[in-house]
C-alpha atoms as a PDB file:
ATOM      1  CA  MET A   1     -67.372 -23.886  12.527  1.00  0.00           C
ATOM      2  CA  PRO A   2     -67.986 -25.200  16.107  1.00  0.00           C
ATOM      3  CA  MET A   3     -68.358 -28.977  16.551  1.00  0.00           C
ATOM      4  CA  ILE A   4     -72.000 -28.803  17.751  1.00  0.00           C
ATOM      5  CA  ALA A   5     -72.915 -26.786  14.680  1.00  0.00           C
ATOM      6  CA  ARG A   6     -71.189 -29.331  12.470  1.00  0.00           C
ATOM      7  CA  ILE A   7     -73.171 -32.226  14.038  1.00  0.00           C
ATOM      8  CA  GLY A   8     -76.472 -30.330  13.692  1.00  0.00           C
ATOM      9  CA  LEU A   9     -75.782 -29.700  10.031  1.00  0.00           C
ATOM     10  CA  LEU A  10     -74.929 -33.368   9.612  1.00  0.00           C
ATOM     11  CA  ALA A  11     -78.232 -34.523  11.135  1.00  0.00           C
ATOM     12  CA  ALA A  12     -80.253 -32.292   8.852  1.00  0.00           C
ATOM     13  CA  ILE A  13     -78.467 -33.520   5.766  1.00  0.00           C
ATOM     14  CA  VAL A  14     -78.937 -37.156   6.807  1.00  0.00           C
ATOM     15  CA  ALA A  15     -82.683 -36.717   7.383  1.00  0.00           C
ATOM     16  CA  LEU A  16     -83.127 -35.143   4.006  1.00  0.00           C
ATOM     17  CA  GLY A  17     -81.114 -37.881   2.361  1.00  0.00           C
ATOM     18  CA  VAL A  18     -83.137 -40.630   4.049  1.00  0.00           C
ATOM     19  CA  GLY A  19     -86.379 -39.200   2.795  1.00  0.00           C
ATOM     20  CA  VAL A  20     -85.117 -38.977  -0.735  1.00  0.00           C
ATOM     21  CA  LEU A  21     -83.700 -42.503  -0.743  1.00  0.00           C
ATOM     22  CA  TYR A  22     -86.834 -44.002   0.819  1.00  0.00           C
ATOM     23  CA  VAL A  23     -88.958 -42.655  -1.935  1.00  0.00           C
ATOM     24  CA  GLY A  24     -86.443 -43.546  -4.624  1.00  0.00           C
ATOM     25  CA  VAL A  25     -85.617 -47.132  -3.670  1.00  0.00           C
ATOM     26  CA  GLY A  26     -88.834 -48.114  -1.919  1.00  0.00           C
ATOM     27  CA  GLY A  27     -87.484 -49.554   1.324  1.00  0.00           C
ATOM     28  CA  LEU A  28     -86.067 -48.603   4.677  1.00  0.00           C
ATOM     29  CA  GLY A  29     -83.453 -51.429   4.931  1.00  0.00           C
ATOM     30  CA  ILE A  30     -81.634 -50.430   1.813  1.00  0.00           C
ATOM     31  CA  VAL A  31     -81.641 -46.841   2.918  1.00  0.00           C
ATOM     32  CA  ALA A  32     -80.251 -47.697   6.339  1.00  0.00           C
ATOM     33  CA  GLY A  33     -77.197 -49.465   4.892  1.00  0.00           C
ATOM     34  CA  GLY A  34     -76.339 -46.614   2.556  1.00  0.00           C
ATOM     35  CA  VAL A  35     -76.886 -43.981   5.160  1.00  0.00           C
ATOM     36  CA  GLY A  36     -74.540 -45.729   7.622  1.00  0.00           C
ATOM     37  CA  SER A  37     -71.676 -45.783   5.153  1.00  0.00           C
ATOM     38  CA  THR A  38     -72.215 -42.197   4.068  1.00  0.00           C
ATOM     39  CA  LEU A  39     -72.554 -40.965   7.611  1.00  0.00           C
ATOM     40  CA  SER A  40     -69.319 -42.585   8.719  1.00  0.00           C
ATOM     41  CA  GLY A  41     -67.266 -40.942   5.966  1.00  0.00           C
ATOM     42  CA  PHE A  42     -68.898 -37.578   6.369  1.00  0.00           C
ATOM     43  CA  VAL A  43     -68.383 -37.482  10.119  1.00  0.00           C
ATOM     44  CA  SER A  44     -64.726 -38.331   9.617  1.00  0.00           C
ATOM     45  CA  ASN A  45     -64.291 -35.478   7.140  1.00  0.00           C
ATOM     46  CA  VAL A  46     -66.193 -32.943   9.223  1.00  0.00           C
ATOM     47  CA  THR A  47     -64.550 -33.660  12.567  1.00  0.00           C
ATOM     48  CA  SER A  48     -60.954 -34.259  11.459  1.00  0.00           C
ATOM     49  CA  THR A  49     -58.174 -31.695  12.244  1.00  0.00           C
ATOM     50  CA  PRO A  50     -56.168 -30.447   9.179  1.00  0.00           C
ATOM     51  CA  SER A  51     -52.515 -31.718   9.056  1.00  0.00           C
ATOM     52  CA  PRO A  52     -49.812 -28.971   9.148  1.00  0.00           C
ATOM     53  CA  LYS A  53     -47.977 -28.307   5.868  1.00  0.00           C
ATOM     54  CA  ALA A  54     -44.119 -28.813   5.740  1.00  0.00           C
ATOM     55  CA  THR A  55     -42.033 -25.583   5.537  1.00  0.00           C
ATOM     56  CA  ILE A  56     -38.882 -25.284   3.321  1.00  0.00           C
ATOM     57  CA  ALA A  57     -35.861 -23.753   5.126  1.00  0.00           C
ATOM     58  CA  ALA A  58     -34.229 -20.837   3.293  1.00  0.00           C
ATOM     59  CA  ARG A  59     -30.466 -20.580   2.687  1.00  0.00           C
ATOM     60  CA  ALA A  60     -28.613 -18.151   4.934  1.00  0.00           C
ATOM     61  CA  ASP A  61     -27.156 -14.974   3.484  1.00  0.00           C
ATOM     62  CA  ALA A  62     -23.406 -14.986   2.847  1.00  0.00           C
ATOM     63  CA  PRO A  63     -21.169 -14.138   5.827  1.00  0.00           C
ATOM     64  CA  SER A  64     -18.347 -11.592   5.628  1.00  0.00           C
ATOM     65  CA  LEU A  65     -14.618 -11.894   6.390  1.00  0.00           C
ATOM     66  CA  GLU A  66     -12.659  -9.037   7.982  1.00  0.00           C
ATOM     67  CA  GLN A  67      -9.801  -7.830   5.776  1.00  0.00           C
ATOM     68  CA  PRO A  68      -6.360  -7.595   7.461  1.00  0.00           C
ATOM     69  CA  SER A  69      -4.648  -4.207   7.624  1.00  0.00           C
ATOM     70  CA  GLU A  70      -1.468  -5.890   6.295  1.00  0.00           C
ATOM     71  CA  PRO A  71      -1.773  -9.188   4.361  1.00  0.00           C
ATOM     72  CA  TYR A  72       1.921 -10.048   4.795  1.00  0.00           C
ATOM     73  CA  THR A  73       2.744 -11.836   8.037  1.00  0.00           C
ATOM     74  CA  SER A  74       5.543 -13.856   9.572  1.00  0.00           C
ATOM     75  CA  ALA A  75       3.102 -15.655  11.921  1.00  0.00           C
ATOM     76  CA  ALA A  76       2.282 -19.275  11.051  1.00  0.00           C
ATOM     77  CA  THR A  77      -1.278 -18.888  12.432  1.00  0.00           C
ATOM     78  CA  VAL A  78      -3.778 -16.055  11.969  1.00  0.00           C
ATOM     79  CA  ASP A  79      -7.334 -15.422  13.176  1.00  0.00           C
ATOM     80  CA  LEU A  80     -10.151 -15.156  10.640  1.00  0.00           C
ATOM     81  CA  VAL A  81     -12.923 -12.856  11.912  1.00  0.00           C
ATOM     82  CA  VAL A  82     -16.300 -13.906  10.464  1.00  0.00           C
ATOM     83  CA  SER A  83     -19.494 -11.827  10.722  1.00  0.00           C
ATOM     84  CA  VAL A  84     -22.785 -13.724  10.261  1.00  0.00           C
ATOM     85  CA  PRO A  85     -26.245 -12.346   9.328  1.00  0.00           C
ATOM     86  CA  THR A  86     -28.395 -10.920  12.121  1.00  0.00           C
ATOM     87  CA  GLY A  87     -30.376 -13.582  13.962  1.00  0.00           C
ATOM     88  CA  LEU A  88     -28.062 -16.533  13.236  1.00  0.00           C
ATOM     89  CA  ALA A  89     -25.582 -15.984  16.083  1.00  0.00           C
ATOM     90  CA  GLY A  90     -25.416 -19.035  18.337  1.00  0.00           C
ATOM     91  CA  ASN A  91     -27.873 -21.093  16.242  1.00  0.00           C
ATOM     92  CA  PRO A  92     -26.753 -24.739  16.616  1.00  0.00           C
ATOM     93  CA  ALA A  93     -28.324 -25.727  13.295  1.00  0.00           C
ATOM     94  CA  TYR A  94     -25.694 -23.790  11.345  1.00  0.00           C
ATOM     95  CA  ARG A  95     -21.946 -24.174  10.768  1.00  0.00           C
ATOM     96  CA  ILE A  96     -19.299 -21.895   9.272  1.00  0.00           C
ATOM     97  CA  LYS A  97     -17.293 -23.651   6.559  1.00  0.00           C
ATOM     98  CA  VAL A  98     -13.776 -22.316   5.918  1.00  0.00           C
ATOM     99  CA  TYR A  99     -12.273 -22.734   2.442  1.00  0.00           C
ATOM    100  CA  LEU A 100      -8.559 -22.350   1.614  1.00  0.00           C
ATOM    101  CA  THR A 101      -7.295 -21.804  -1.919  1.00  0.00           C
ATOM    102  CA  LEU A 102      -3.576 -22.190  -2.593  1.00  0.00           C
ATOM    103  CA  PRO A 103      -1.876 -21.163  -5.866  1.00  0.00           C
ATOM    104  CA  ASP A 104      -2.892 -23.446  -8.771  1.00  0.00           C
ATOM    105  CA  GLN A 105      -5.220 -25.460  -6.505  1.00  0.00           C
ATOM    106  CA  ALA A 106      -9.001 -25.717  -6.095  1.00  0.00           C
ATOM    107  CA  PRO A 107     -10.692 -24.407  -2.914  1.00  0.00           C
ATOM    108  CA  THR A 108     -10.663 -26.948  -0.066  1.00  0.00           C
ATOM    109  CA  VAL A 109     -12.757 -27.054   3.116  1.00  0.00           C
ATOM    110  CA  ILE A 110     -10.319 -26.968   6.053  1.00  0.00           C
ATOM    111  CA  LYS A 111     -12.756 -26.324   8.907  1.00  0.00           C
ATOM    112  CA  ALA A 112     -16.465 -26.417   9.829  1.00  0.00           C
ATOM    113  CA  VAL A 113     -17.152 -24.655  13.134  1.00  0.00           C
ATOM    114  CA  PRO A 114     -20.298 -23.682  15.084  1.00  0.00           C
ATOM    115  CA  LEU A 115     -21.449 -20.083  15.211  1.00  0.00           C
ATOM    116  CA  ALA A 116     -20.415 -18.052  18.251  1.00  0.00           C
ATOM    117  CA  ASP A 117     -23.085 -16.519  20.478  1.00  0.00           C
ATOM    118  CA  GLN A 118     -22.072 -13.097  19.145  1.00  0.00           C
ATOM    119  CA  ALA A 119     -22.365 -11.825  15.580  1.00  0.00           C
ATOM    120  CA  ARG A 120     -18.593 -12.318  15.093  1.00  0.00           C
ATOM    121  CA  THR A 121     -16.858 -15.669  15.175  1.00  0.00           C
ATOM    122  CA  VAL A 122     -13.044 -15.860  15.441  1.00  0.00           C
ATOM    123  CA  ILE A 123     -11.495 -18.875  13.705  1.00  0.00           C
ATOM    124  CA  PRO A 124      -7.736 -19.587  13.980  1.00  0.00           C
ATOM    125  CA  VAL A 125      -6.191 -21.062  10.820  1.00  0.00           C
ATOM    126  CA  GLU A 126      -2.709 -22.229   9.880  1.00  0.00           C
ATOM    127  CA  LEU A 127      -0.903 -20.683   6.910  1.00  0.00           C
ATOM    128  CA  THR A 128       1.108 -22.220   4.113  1.00  0.00           C
ATOM    129  CA  LYS A 129       4.208 -20.449   2.746  1.00  0.00           C
ATOM    130  CA  GLY A 130       3.171 -17.848   0.160  1.00  0.00           C
ATOM    131  CA  ASP A 131      -0.384 -16.820  -0.795  1.00  0.00           C
ATOM    132  CA  ASN A 132      -3.313 -18.126   1.275  1.00  0.00           C
ATOM    133  CA  ASP A 133      -6.792 -17.161  -0.024  1.00  0.00           C
ATOM    134  CA  PHE A 134      -9.667 -17.756   2.415  1.00  0.00           C
ATOM    135  CA  THR A 135     -13.442 -17.675   1.957  1.00  0.00           C
ATOM    136  CA  VAL A 136     -16.231 -18.726   4.333  1.00  0.00           C
ATOM    137  CA  SER A 137     -19.861 -19.816   3.913  1.00  0.00           C
ATOM    138  CA  ILE A 138     -22.751 -20.782   6.219  1.00  0.00           C
ATOM    139  CA  ASP A 139     -24.098 -24.339   6.010  1.00  0.00           C
ATOM    140  CA  GLY A 140     -27.559 -24.935   7.492  1.00  0.00           C
ATOM    141  CA  PRO A 141     -30.947 -26.626   7.034  1.00  0.00           C
ATOM    142  CA  GLY A 142     -31.577 -24.727   3.815  1.00  0.00           C
ATOM    143  CA  GLY A 143     -28.205 -25.642   2.306  1.00  0.00           C
ATOM    144  CA  GLU A 144     -24.936 -23.740   1.944  1.00  0.00           C
ATOM    145  CA  SER A 145     -24.833 -19.972   1.482  1.00  0.00           C
ATOM    146  CA  ASP A 146     -22.860 -18.080  -1.137  1.00  0.00           C
ATOM    147  CA  PRO A 147     -19.182 -17.590  -0.205  1.00  0.00           C
ATOM    148  CA  SER A 148     -17.781 -14.430   1.340  1.00  0.00           C
ATOM    149  CA  ALA A 149     -15.315 -12.166  -0.422  1.00  0.00           C
ATOM    150  CA  VAL A 150     -11.752 -13.493  -0.572  1.00  0.00           C
ATOM    151  CA  VAL A 151      -9.277 -12.574   2.181  1.00  0.00           C
ATOM    152  CA  ARG A 152      -5.597 -13.098   1.379  1.00  0.00           C
ATOM    153  CA  TYR A 153      -2.746 -13.684   3.801  1.00  0.00           C
ATOM    154  CA  VAL A 154       0.846 -13.973   2.584  1.00  0.00           C
ATOM    155  CA  TYR A 155       2.986 -16.082   4.890  1.00  0.00           C
ATOM    156  CA  ASP A 156       6.595 -14.843   4.731  1.00  0.00           C
ATOM    157  CA  ALA A 157       9.067 -15.891   7.424  1.00  0.00           C
ATOM    158  CA  VAL A 158      12.239 -15.026   5.465  1.00  0.00           C
ATOM    159  CA  PRO A 159      14.208 -11.860   6.449  1.00  0.00           C
ATOM    160  CA  PRO A 160      14.675  -9.347   3.611  1.00  0.00           C
ATOM    161  CA  LYS A 161      18.011  -9.265   1.810  1.00  0.00           C
ATOM    162  CA  ILE A 162      19.533  -5.768   1.835  1.00  0.00           C
ATOM    163  CA  THR A 163      22.035  -5.046  -0.941  1.00  0.00           C
ATOM    164  CA  VAL A 164      23.946  -1.721  -1.009  1.00  0.00           C
ATOM    165  CA  THR A 165      25.023  -0.735  -4.518  1.00  0.00           C
ATOM    166  CA  SER A 166      26.535   2.690  -3.730  1.00  0.00           C
ATOM    167  CA  PRO A 167      28.865   3.744  -2.239  1.00  0.00           C
ATOM    168  CA  LYS A 168      31.153   0.728  -2.137  1.00  0.00           C
ATOM    169  CA  ASN A 169      32.323  -0.540   1.228  1.00  0.00           C
ATOM    170  CA  ASN A 170      35.406   1.353   2.487  1.00  0.00           C
ATOM    171  CA  ALA A 171      34.973   4.037  -0.186  1.00  0.00           C
ATOM    172  CA  VAL A 172      36.397   7.539   0.298  1.00  0.00           C
ATOM    173  CA  VAL A 173      33.725  10.239   0.151  1.00  0.00           C
ATOM    174  CA  ASN A 174      34.736  13.902   0.062  1.00  0.00           C
ATOM    175  CA  GLY A 175      31.533  15.498   1.278  1.00  0.00           C
ATOM    176  CA  LYS A 176      29.320  16.087   4.310  1.00  0.00           C
ATOM    177  CA  LEU A 177      26.607  13.743   3.041  1.00  0.00           C
ATOM    178  CA  ILE A 178      26.458  10.370   1.338  1.00  0.00           C
ATOM    179  CA  THR A 179      23.595   8.872  -0.627  1.00  0.00           C
ATOM    180  CA  ILE A 180      23.185   5.190   0.170  1.00  0.00           C
ATOM    181  CA  LYS A 181      21.575   3.374  -2.757  1.00  0.00           C
ATOM    182  CA  GLY A 182      20.542  -0.253  -2.916  1.00  0.00           C
ATOM    183  CA  LYS A 183      17.794  -2.837  -3.295  1.00  0.00           C
ATOM    184  CA  THR A 184      15.709  -4.997  -0.973  1.00  0.00           C
ATOM    185  CA  GLN A 185      12.168  -6.376  -0.678  1.00  0.00           C
ATOM    186  CA  ALA A 186       9.435  -3.975  -1.792  1.00  0.00           C
ATOM    187  CA  ARG A 187       7.914  -1.777   0.946  1.00  0.00           C
ATOM    188  CA  THR A 188      10.626  -2.643   3.444  1.00  0.00           C
ATOM    189  CA  THR A 189      11.119   0.077   6.075  1.00  0.00           C
ATOM    190  CA  LEU A 190      14.797   1.053   6.311  1.00  0.00           C
ATOM    191  CA  VAL A 191      16.732   2.858   9.042  1.00  0.00           C
ATOM    192  CA  ALA A 192      20.349   3.893   8.320  1.00  0.00           C
ATOM    193  CA  ARG A 193      22.398   4.967  11.348  1.00  0.00           C
ATOM    194  CA  ASN A 194      25.933   6.362  11.397  1.00  0.00           C
ATOM    195  CA  GLU A 195      27.672   5.135  14.549  1.00  0.00           C
ATOM    196  CA  ALA A 196      30.384   7.783  14.160  1.00  0.00           C
ATOM    197  CA  ASN A 197      28.116  10.786  14.744  1.00  0.00           C
ATOM    198  CA  GLY A 198      24.749   9.299  15.750  1.00  0.00           C
ATOM    199  CA  SER A 199      22.905  10.638  12.715  1.00  0.00           C
ATOM    200  CA  SER A 200      20.140   8.504  11.204  1.00  0.00           C
ATOM    201  CA  ILE A 201      17.601   8.509   8.381  1.00  0.00           C
ATOM    202  CA  VAL A 202      14.399   6.508   7.789  1.00  0.00           C
ATOM    203  CA  GLY A 203      13.039   5.519   4.381  1.00  0.00           C
ATOM    204  CA  THR A 204      10.920   2.935   2.564  1.00  0.00           C
ATOM    205  CA  ALA A 205      11.884   0.796  -0.414  1.00  0.00           C
ATOM    206  CA  GLU A 206       9.935   1.467  -3.611  1.00  0.00           C
ATOM    207  CA  SER A 207       7.606  -1.067  -5.245  1.00  0.00           C
ATOM    208  CA  ASP A 208      10.586  -2.415  -7.213  1.00  0.00           C
ATOM    209  CA  GLY A 209      12.684  -2.685  -4.032  1.00  0.00           C
ATOM    210  CA  THR A 210      15.094   0.190  -4.776  1.00  0.00           C
ATOM    211  CA  PHE A 211      15.959   2.756  -2.106  1.00  0.00           C
ATOM    212  CA  ALA A 212      18.076   5.891  -1.603  1.00  0.00           C
ATOM    213  CA  LEU A 213      18.972   7.339   1.806  1.00  0.00           C
ATOM    214  CA  ASN A 214      20.927  10.561   2.463  1.00  0.00           C
ATOM    215  CA  LEU A 215      23.031  10.427   5.621  1.00  0.00           C
ATOM    216  CA  ALA A 216      25.460  12.888   7.246  1.00  0.00           C
ATOM    217  CA  ILE A 217      29.040  11.688   7.757  1.00  0.00           C
ATOM    218  CA  THR A 218      31.946  12.979   9.824  1.00  0.00           C
ATOM    219  CA  PRO A 219      35.692  13.197   9.038  1.00  0.00           C
ATOM    220  CA  GLY A 220      37.406   9.837   9.302  1.00  0.00           C
ATOM    221  CA  VAL A 221      35.825   6.384   9.257  1.00  0.00           C
ATOM    222  CA  ASN A 222      32.033   6.149   9.409  1.00  0.00           C
ATOM    223  CA  LYS A 223      30.458   2.780  10.212  1.00  0.00           C
ATOM    224  CA  ILE A 224      26.867   2.726   8.976  1.00  0.00           C
ATOM    225  CA  VAL A 225      24.256   0.102   9.920  1.00  0.00           C
ATOM    226  CA  ILE A 226      21.210  -0.259   7.648  1.00  0.00           C
ATOM    227  CA  ALA A 227      18.326  -2.099   9.353  1.00  0.00           C
ATOM    228  CA  GLY A 228      15.305  -3.281   7.364  1.00  0.00           C
ATOM    229  CA  THR A 229      11.850  -4.554   8.394  1.00  0.00           C
ATOM    230  CA  ASP A 230       9.775  -6.090   5.608  1.00  0.00           C
ATOM    231  CA  PRO A 231       5.925  -5.912   5.448  1.00  0.00           C
ATOM    232  CA  ALA A 232       5.662  -9.290   7.228  1.00  0.00           C
ATOM    233  CA  GLY A 233       7.754  -8.025  10.151  1.00  0.00           C
ATOM    234  CA  ASN A 234      10.953  -9.910   9.351  1.00  0.00           C
ATOM    235  CA  GLN A 235      14.158  -7.993  10.107  1.00  0.00           C
ATOM    236  CA  ALA A 236      17.651  -7.891   8.618  1.00  0.00           C
ATOM    237  CA  GLU A 237      20.762  -5.682   8.663  1.00  0.00           C
ATOM    238  CA  ALA A 238      23.567  -4.620   6.356  1.00  0.00           C
ATOM    239  CA  THR A 239      26.719  -2.696   7.314  1.00  0.00           C
ATOM    240  CA  LEU A 240      28.802  -0.214   5.350  1.00  0.00           C
ATOM    241  CA  SER A 241      31.994   1.702   6.133  1.00  0.00           C
ATOM    242  CA  VAL A 242      33.036   4.894   4.349  1.00  0.00           C
ATOM    243  CA  ARG A 243      35.766   7.386   5.030  1.00  0.00           C
ATOM    244  CA  ARG A 244      35.226  11.086   4.620  1.00  0.00           C
ATOM    245  CA  GLY A 245      38.187  12.513   2.712  1.00  0.00           C
ATOM    246  CA  SER A 246      39.733  15.972   2.798  1.00  0.00           C
ATOM    247  CA  GLY A 247      38.742  16.961  -0.759  1.00  0.00           C
ATOM    248  CA  LYS A 248      37.272  20.410  -1.329  1.00  0.00           C
ATOM    249  CA  LEU A 249      34.740  22.154  -3.494  1.00  0.00           C
ATOM    250  CA  THR A 250      36.470  23.910  -6.419  1.00  0.00           C
ATOM    251  CA  VAL A 251      35.579  26.432  -9.102  1.00  0.00           C
ATOM    252  CA  ALA A 252      37.588  27.599 -12.127  1.00  0.00           C
ATOM    253  CA  LEU A 253      36.762  30.976 -13.723  1.00  0.00           C
ATOM    254  CA  THR A 254      37.636  31.782 -17.337  1.00  0.00           C
ATOM    255  CA  ALA A 255      36.939  34.792 -19.580  1.00  0.00           C
ATOM    256  CA  SER A 256      36.440  35.170 -23.323  1.00  0.00           C
ATOM    257  CA  PHE A 257      39.414  37.620 -23.268  1.00  0.00           C
ATOM    258  CA  TYR A 258      41.802  38.952 -20.642  1.00  0.00           C
ATOM    259  CA  GLN A 259      43.091  42.129 -22.377  1.00  0.00           C
ATOM    260  CA  ILE A 260      41.525  44.537 -24.818  1.00  0.00           C
ATOM    261  CA  LYS A 261      42.457  47.888 -26.382  1.00  0.00           C
ATOM    262  CA  ARG A 262      40.330  50.797 -25.350  1.00  0.00           C
ATOM    263  CA  SER A 263      39.814  51.686 -29.020  1.00  0.00           C
ATOM    264  CA  LYS A 264      37.968  48.315 -29.476  1.00  0.00           C
ATOM    265  CA  LEU A 265      35.290  49.210 -26.940  1.00  0.00           C
ATOM    266  CA  PRO A 266      32.431  48.586 -26.551  1.00  0.00           C
ATOM    267  CA  GLU A 267      33.105  44.832 -26.500  1.00  0.00           C
ATOM    268  CA  PRO A 268      31.040  41.891 -25.091  1.00  0.00           C
ATOM    269  CA  ILE A 269      32.768  39.621 -22.589  1.00  0.00           C
ATOM    270  CA  THR A 270      31.694  36.177 -21.316  1.00  0.00           C
ATOM    271  CA  LEU A 271      32.701  34.786 -17.943  1.00  0.00           C
ATOM    272  CA  THR A 272      32.421  30.999 -17.410  1.00  0.00           C
ATOM    273  CA  ALA A 273      32.642  29.068 -14.127  1.00  0.00           C
ATOM    274  CA  VAL A 274      33.183  25.281 -13.894  1.00  0.00           C
ATOM    275  CA  VAL A 275      32.297  23.819 -10.471  1.00  0.00           C
ATOM    276  CA  THR A 276      33.410  20.377  -9.220  1.00  0.00           C
ATOM    277  CA  ASP A 277      32.520  18.636  -5.957  1.00  0.00           C
ATOM    278  CA  PRO A 278      35.149  17.302  -3.509  1.00  0.00           C
ATOM    279  CA  ASP A 279      35.269  14.019  -5.453  1.00  0.00           C
ATOM    280  CA  GLY A 280      36.164  15.875  -8.662  1.00  0.00           C
ATOM    281  CA  ARG A 281      32.747  15.430 -10.306  1.00  0.00           C
ATOM    282  CA  ALA A 282      30.796  18.167 -12.083  1.00  0.00           C
ATOM    283  CA  LEU A 283      28.393  19.719  -9.598  1.00  0.00           C
ATOM    284  CA  ALA A 284      24.930  20.633 -10.904  1.00  0.00           C
ATOM    285  CA  GLY A 285      22.629  23.154  -9.233  1.00  0.00           C
ATOM    286  CA  ALA A 286      25.322  25.081  -7.346  1.00  0.00           C
ATOM    287  CA  ALA A 287      24.575  28.771  -6.713  1.00  0.00           C
ATOM    288  CA  VAL A 288      27.064  31.096  -8.418  1.00  0.00           C
ATOM    289  CA  THR A 289      27.526  34.886  -8.257  1.00  0.00           C
ATOM    290  CA  PHE A 290      29.557  36.646 -11.001  1.00  0.00           C
ATOM    291  CA  THR A 291      31.046  40.098 -10.391  1.00  0.00           C
ATOM    292  CA  LEU A 292      32.847  42.271 -12.968  1.00  0.00           C
ATOM    293  CA  SER A 293      34.613  45.484 -11.851  1.00  0.00           C
ATOM    294  CA  MET A 294      36.302  47.598 -14.550  1.00  0.00           C
ATOM    295  CA  PRO A 295      37.904  51.076 -14.264  1.00  0.00           C
ATOM    296  CA  GLY A 296      35.566  54.003 -14.861  1.00  0.00           C
ATOM    297  CA  ILE A 297      32.260  52.070 -14.984  1.00  0.00           C
ATOM    298  CA  PRO A 298      29.835  50.656 -12.354  1.00  0.00           C
ATOM    299  CA  THR A 299      30.401  47.124 -11.047  1.00  0.00           C
ATOM    300  CA  VAL A 300      28.138  44.457 -12.570  1.00  0.00           C
ATOM    301  CA  THR A 301      26.846  41.514 -10.466  1.00  0.00           C
ATOM    302  CA  VAL A 302      24.602  38.613 -11.560  1.00  0.00           C
ATOM    303  CA  ASP A 303      23.451  35.341  -9.931  1.00  0.00           C
ATOM    304  CA  GLY A 304      23.005  31.937 -11.578  1.00  0.00           C
ATOM    305  CA  LYS A 305      23.070  28.129 -11.188  1.00  0.00           C
ATOM    306  CA  THR A 306      25.373  25.505 -12.623  1.00  0.00           C
ATOM    307  CA  SER A 307      23.945  23.174 -15.251  1.00  0.00           C
ATOM    308  CA  ALA A 308      24.197  19.363 -15.330  1.00  0.00           C
ATOM    309  CA  ASN A 309      27.808  19.635 -16.529  1.00  0.00           C
ATOM    310  CA  GLY A 310      28.741  21.922 -13.623  1.00  0.00           C
ATOM    311  CA  ARG A 311      29.065  25.027 -15.816  1.00  0.00           C
ATOM    312  CA  ALA A 312      27.556  28.522 -15.534  1.00  0.00           C
ATOM    313  CA  SER A 313      28.139  31.527 -17.840  1.00  0.00           C
ATOM    314  CA  PHE A 314      27.535  35.266 -17.754  1.00  0.00           C
ATOM    315  CA  THR A 315      27.807  37.689 -20.697  1.00  0.00           C
ATOM    316  CA  THR A 316      27.926  41.487 -20.468  1.00  0.00           C
ATOM    317  CA  THR A 317      29.427  44.381 -22.461  1.00  0.00           C
ATOM    318  CA  ILE A 318      32.343  46.593 -21.436  1.00  0.00           C
ATOM    319  CA  PRO A 319      31.177  50.035 -22.628  1.00  0.00           C
ATOM    320  CA  LYS A 320      33.205  52.653 -24.524  1.00  0.00           C
ATOM    321  CA  GLY A 321      33.521  54.815 -21.403  1.00  0.00           C
ATOM    322  CA  ALA A 322      35.652  52.274 -19.490  1.00  0.00           C
ATOM    323  CA  GLY A 323      39.057  53.563 -18.444  1.00  0.00           C
ATOM    324  CA  ILE A 324      42.524  52.165 -19.027  1.00  0.00           C
ATOM    325  CA  GLY A 325      43.784  49.849 -16.290  1.00  0.00           C
ATOM    326  CA  GLN A 326      43.134  46.526 -14.616  1.00  0.00           C
ATOM    327  CA  GLY A 327      39.706  45.198 -13.682  1.00  0.00           C
ATOM    328  CA  ASN A 328      38.652  42.112 -11.725  1.00  0.00           C
ATOM    329  CA  ALA A 329      36.227  39.295 -12.571  1.00  0.00           C
ATOM    330  CA  THR A 330      35.227  37.040  -9.668  1.00  0.00           C
ATOM    331  CA  VAL A 331      32.849  34.132  -9.064  1.00  0.00           C
ATOM    332  CA  LEU A 332      31.513  32.929  -5.697  1.00  0.00           C
ATOM    333  CA  VAL A 333      30.034  29.409  -5.385  1.00  0.00           C
ATOM    334  CA  SER A 334      27.792  28.384  -2.460  1.00  0.00           C
ATOM    335  CA  THR A 335      26.452  24.882  -1.638  1.00  0.00           C
ATOM    336  CA  ASP A 336      24.651  23.293   1.332  1.00  0.00           C
ATOM    337  CA  ALA A 337      26.629  20.051   1.194  1.00  0.00           C
ATOM    338  CA  TYR A 338      30.164  21.303   0.493  1.00  0.00           C
ATOM    339  CA  GLY A 339      30.274  24.861   1.719  1.00  0.00           C
ATOM    340  CA  SER A 340      31.538  27.708  -0.532  1.00  0.00           C
ATOM    341  CA  THR A 341      34.531  28.645  -2.667  1.00  0.00           C
ATOM    342  CA  GLU A 342      35.570  31.362  -5.143  1.00  0.00           C
ATOM    343  CA  ASP A 343      37.929  32.209  -7.986  1.00  0.00           C
ATOM    344  CA  PHE A 344      38.949  35.406  -9.809  1.00  0.00           C
ATOM    345  CA  THR A 345      40.839  36.624 -12.836  1.00  0.00           C
ATOM    346  CA  VAL A 346      42.193  39.955 -14.115  1.00  0.00           C
ATOM    347  CA  ILE A 347      40.771  41.780 -17.176  1.00  0.00           C
ATOM    348  CA  SER A 348      42.958  44.649 -18.534  1.00  0.00           C
ATOM    349  CA  ILE A 349      42.114  47.613 -20.776  1.00  0.00           C
ATOM    350  CA  VAL A 350      45.147  49.022 -22.607  1.00  0.00           C
ATOM    351  CA  LYS A 351      45.803  51.918 -24.989  1.00  0.00           C
END
């Protein structure tokens, strides 16, 4: 209440108290002493201003760390981007504490920096070879906040090793294409370029480091350069020379019989084709077309594919109405890599 009102209330209470004490103790002197002491304490209590209560500062919320698009890096220093809670930017009472955890070690504070005037603070840190796990917290009047989520950087300054397992250097390849197989660091980007004809191919190593690249080659010597860039940005090269040979695609056609008496008809016949690539290996997946032409009956044609062992077969029946004489069985083989080839044989019907 207002001060004047407080004093008026005080006077009324004192007057009442004096009357009561006078009657009770029988004298004004005794009353005066007691009233003076009481009045002094009461006035102090009534007129005093309340003291402010102390406030307890709250801990800041945890900051956040921006995740890198690629954790692998060949740079010895990276920038940590820290976002702080709204309202704390630029507050001098707070600091960002940076923790680094290395393999088999406890987290260690490596920096304590003031907050930037913006919501994001950029903190450069040095990396140690291998895994570097960072967290940040905010330290202020209310204590230290919870840590941020972990951000990992992997410091790798070593170029990837590129090993070609096939074909061997200076090998002879009898085809239009070669498949370069090998191993390197996982996720390495590879570019193989043939200096002989300018052709190139781009690929990426698998999670186990293996790779396979198909590249066109030209007759003669082909010098091939395989360049690799690992996830950290380190680069390396490997070279390979191969010579395209003059080998050819081949097919051999056989029949279950080559001559039959007309009196034995009708009779089933099986034609078999064996296809090999220019290096003499069984060629799987080649397109084959069988044709059988016999006297007196319509020509029969059928398409197929070679199996894993390079073989394809076709079975039909020579009917009773076939005439005496020579017939032809042929097979045509077509491939994208090696071109086409054919073979034939004679089937005779006799008396």
